[in-house]
Amino acid sequence: GGGGSVAVAGASPMMRIRASTDFGKVVKVVGGWKGFGGWDPAKGLNLQTSASKYPEWYGRCETPLTEADSGSEFKFVMVDEFGTVSWEPGPNRQL
């Protein structure tokens, strides 16, 4: 995994992280904010990558942020083709 960042453009957060993954795995953002699925990995924000961008994963959440959402906690997770979730280690990140 890599550092990861949050860039708020307008009211929609752009999420980025450098993560080397095995083929078939996807990276998601899961957290307390409703845009990140309320800690349910199945409802988290799916990130995407491409051959030219890998290992950078990125995605923009369409749910608008409000001032009350500032400081919401989240983590990056990897999900394999069987639905097994691997949570990033360490403390939660914050918006």
C-alpha atoms as a PDB file:
ATOM      1  CA  GLY A   1       0.000   0.000   0.000  1.00  0.00           C
ATOM      2  CA  GLY A   2       0.892   3.620  -0.326  1.00  0.00           C
ATOM      3  CA  GLY A   3       0.213   6.910   1.374  1.00  0.00           C
ATOM      4  CA  GLY A   4      -3.185   7.771  -0.058  1.00  0.00           C
ATOM      5  CA  SER A   5      -4.751  11.178  -0.260  1.00  0.00           C
ATOM      6  CA  VAL A   6      -8.032  12.972  -0.230  1.00  0.00           C
ATOM      7  CA  ALA A   7      -8.582  15.965  -2.486  1.00  0.00           C
ATOM      8  CA  VAL A   8     -11.883  17.728  -2.080  1.00  0.00           C
ATOM      9  CA  ALA A   9     -12.852  19.255  -5.412  1.00  0.00           C
ATOM     10  CA  GLY A  10     -15.994  21.261  -4.864  1.00  0.00           C
ATOM     11  CA  ALA A  11     -18.110  19.037  -2.679  1.00  0.00           C
ATOM     12  CA  SER A  12     -17.019  15.647  -4.039  1.00  0.00           C
ATOM     13  CA  PRO A  13     -13.916  14.041  -2.543  1.00  0.00           C
ATOM     14  CA  MET A  14     -11.359  12.559  -4.951  1.00  0.00           C
ATOM     15  CA  MET A  15      -9.667   9.566  -3.373  1.00  0.00           C
ATOM     16  CA  ARG A  16      -6.245   8.268  -4.465  1.00  0.00           C
ATOM     17  CA  ILE A  17      -3.906   5.579  -3.189  1.00  0.00           C
ATOM     18  CA  ARG A  18      -0.926   3.660  -4.538  1.00  0.00           C
ATOM     19  CA  ALA A  19      -1.625  -0.024  -3.983  1.00  0.00           C
ATOM     20  CA  SER A  20      -0.056  -3.045  -5.641  1.00  0.00           C
ATOM     21  CA  THR A  21      -2.728  -5.696  -6.005  1.00  0.00           C
ATOM     22  CA  ASP A  22      -3.010  -9.210  -7.334  1.00  0.00           C
ATOM     23  CA  PHE A  23      -5.050  -9.672 -10.510  1.00  0.00           C
ATOM     24  CA  GLY A  24      -8.766  -9.786  -9.683  1.00  0.00           C
ATOM     25  CA  LYS A  25      -8.555  -7.624  -6.558  1.00  0.00           C
ATOM     26  CA  VAL A  26     -10.147  -4.200  -6.322  1.00  0.00           C
ATOM     27  CA  VAL A  27      -9.529  -1.305  -3.950  1.00  0.00           C
ATOM     28  CA  LYS A  28     -12.388   0.441  -2.134  1.00  0.00           C
ATOM     29  CA  VAL A  29     -12.822   3.205   0.406  1.00  0.00           C
ATOM     30  CA  VAL A  30     -14.939   2.193   3.396  1.00  0.00           C
ATOM     31  CA  GLY A  31     -15.833   4.421   6.320  1.00  0.00           C
ATOM     32  CA  GLY A  32     -18.351   6.078   8.554  1.00  0.00           C
ATOM     33  CA  TRP A  33     -19.462   8.681   6.023  1.00  0.00           C
ATOM     34  CA  LYS A  34     -22.467   7.562   3.928  1.00  0.00           C
ATOM     35  CA  GLY A  35     -20.467   8.106   0.720  1.00  0.00           C
ATOM     36  CA  PHE A  36     -18.095   5.391   1.933  1.00  0.00           C
ATOM     37  CA  GLY A  37     -20.807   2.865   2.805  1.00  0.00           C
ATOM     38  CA  GLY A  38     -21.201   3.292   6.552  1.00  0.00           C
ATOM     39  CA  TRP A  39     -18.366   0.784   7.239  1.00  0.00           C
ATOM     40  CA  ASP A  40     -19.985  -1.840   4.972  1.00  0.00           C
ATOM     41  CA  PRO A  41     -17.368  -2.918   2.383  1.00  0.00           C
ATOM     42  CA  ALA A  42     -20.120  -4.027  -0.023  1.00  0.00           C
ATOM     43  CA  LYS A  43     -21.339  -0.398  -0.117  1.00  0.00           C
ATOM     44  CA  GLY A  44     -17.919   1.291  -0.128  1.00  0.00           C
ATOM     45  CA  LEU A  45     -16.582   3.563  -2.865  1.00  0.00           C
ATOM     46  CA  ASN A  46     -15.044   1.505  -5.678  1.00  0.00           C
ATOM     47  CA  LEU A  47     -11.738   2.866  -6.917  1.00  0.00           C
ATOM     48  CA  GLN A  48     -10.394   2.230 -10.404  1.00  0.00           C
ATOM     49  CA  THR A  49      -7.041   1.932 -12.099  1.00  0.00           C
ATOM     50  CA  SER A  50      -5.737   1.420 -15.615  1.00  0.00           C
ATOM     51  CA  ALA A  51      -2.670  -0.023 -17.289  1.00  0.00           C
ATOM     52  CA  SER A  52      -1.169   3.461 -17.547  1.00  0.00           C
ATOM     53  CA  LYS A  53      -2.056   4.542 -13.979  1.00  0.00           C
ATOM     54  CA  TYR A  54      -1.396   1.314 -12.010  1.00  0.00           C
ATOM     55  CA  PRO A  55      -0.525   1.047  -9.117  1.00  0.00           C
ATOM     56  CA  GLU A  56      -2.488   4.269  -8.536  1.00  0.00           C
ATOM     57  CA  TRP A  57      -6.155   3.672  -7.721  1.00  0.00           C
ATOM     58  CA  TYR A  58      -8.556   6.606  -7.800  1.00  0.00           C
ATOM     59  CA  GLY A  59     -12.214   7.520  -7.642  1.00  0.00           C
ATOM     60  CA  ARG A  60     -14.585  10.373  -6.932  1.00  0.00           C
ATOM     61  CA  CYS A  61     -17.540  10.012  -4.642  1.00  0.00           C
ATOM     62  CA  GLU A  62     -20.733  11.535  -5.997  1.00  0.00           C
ATOM     63  CA  THR A  63     -22.234  12.052  -2.529  1.00  0.00           C
ATOM     64  CA  PRO A  64     -21.656  15.697  -1.552  1.00  0.00           C
ATOM     65  CA  LEU A  65     -19.610  16.406   1.558  1.00  0.00           C
ATOM     66  CA  THR A  66     -21.036  18.703   4.181  1.00  0.00           C
ATOM     67  CA  GLU A  67     -19.196  20.534   6.934  1.00  0.00           C
ATOM     68  CA  ALA A  68     -20.525  17.939   9.384  1.00  0.00           C
ATOM     69  CA  ASP A  69     -18.746  15.188   7.376  1.00  0.00           C
ATOM     70  CA  SER A  70     -15.324  16.773   7.968  1.00  0.00           C
ATOM     71  CA  GLY A  71     -13.223  14.445  10.094  1.00  0.00           C
ATOM     72  CA  SER A  72     -15.189  11.310   9.157  1.00  0.00           C
ATOM     73  CA  GLU A  73     -13.033   8.197   9.462  1.00  0.00           C
ATOM     74  CA  PHE A  74     -12.284   5.731   6.680  1.00  0.00           C
ATOM     75  CA  LYS A  75      -9.902   3.016   5.514  1.00  0.00           C
ATOM     76  CA  PHE A  76      -8.796   1.641   2.167  1.00  0.00           C
ATOM     77  CA  VAL A  77      -9.609  -2.046   1.668  1.00  0.00           C
ATOM     78  CA  MET A  78      -8.814  -4.675  -0.952  1.00  0.00           C
ATOM     79  CA  VAL A  79     -11.536  -7.077  -2.042  1.00  0.00           C
ATOM     80  CA  ASP A  80     -10.773 -10.238  -3.988  1.00  0.00           C
ATOM     81  CA  GLU A  81     -12.953 -11.999  -6.553  1.00  0.00           C
ATOM     82  CA  PHE A  82     -14.522 -14.112  -3.777  1.00  0.00           C
ATOM     83  CA  GLY A  83     -15.552 -11.064  -1.749  1.00  0.00           C
ATOM     84  CA  THR A  84     -12.852 -11.499   0.913  1.00  0.00           C
ATOM     85  CA  VAL A  85     -12.006  -8.096   2.384  1.00  0.00           C
ATOM     86  CA  SER A  86      -8.493  -7.145   3.538  1.00  0.00           C
ATOM     87  CA  TRP A  87      -8.480  -3.978   5.667  1.00  0.00           C
ATOM     88  CA  GLU A  88      -5.463  -1.668   5.656  1.00  0.00           C
ATOM     89  CA  PRO A  89      -3.526  -1.854   8.940  1.00  0.00           C
ATOM     90  CA  GLY A  90      -3.072   1.016  11.339  1.00  0.00           C
ATOM     91  CA  PRO A  91      -5.371   3.746  12.587  1.00  0.00           C
ATOM     92  CA  ASN A  92      -8.331   5.016  10.610  1.00  0.00           C
ATOM     93  CA  ARG A  93      -7.767   7.895   8.217  1.00  0.00           C
ATOM     94  CA  GLN A  94      -9.843  11.086   8.384  1.00  0.00           C
ATOM     95  CA  LEU A  95     -11.473  13.286   5.746  1.00  0.00           C
END
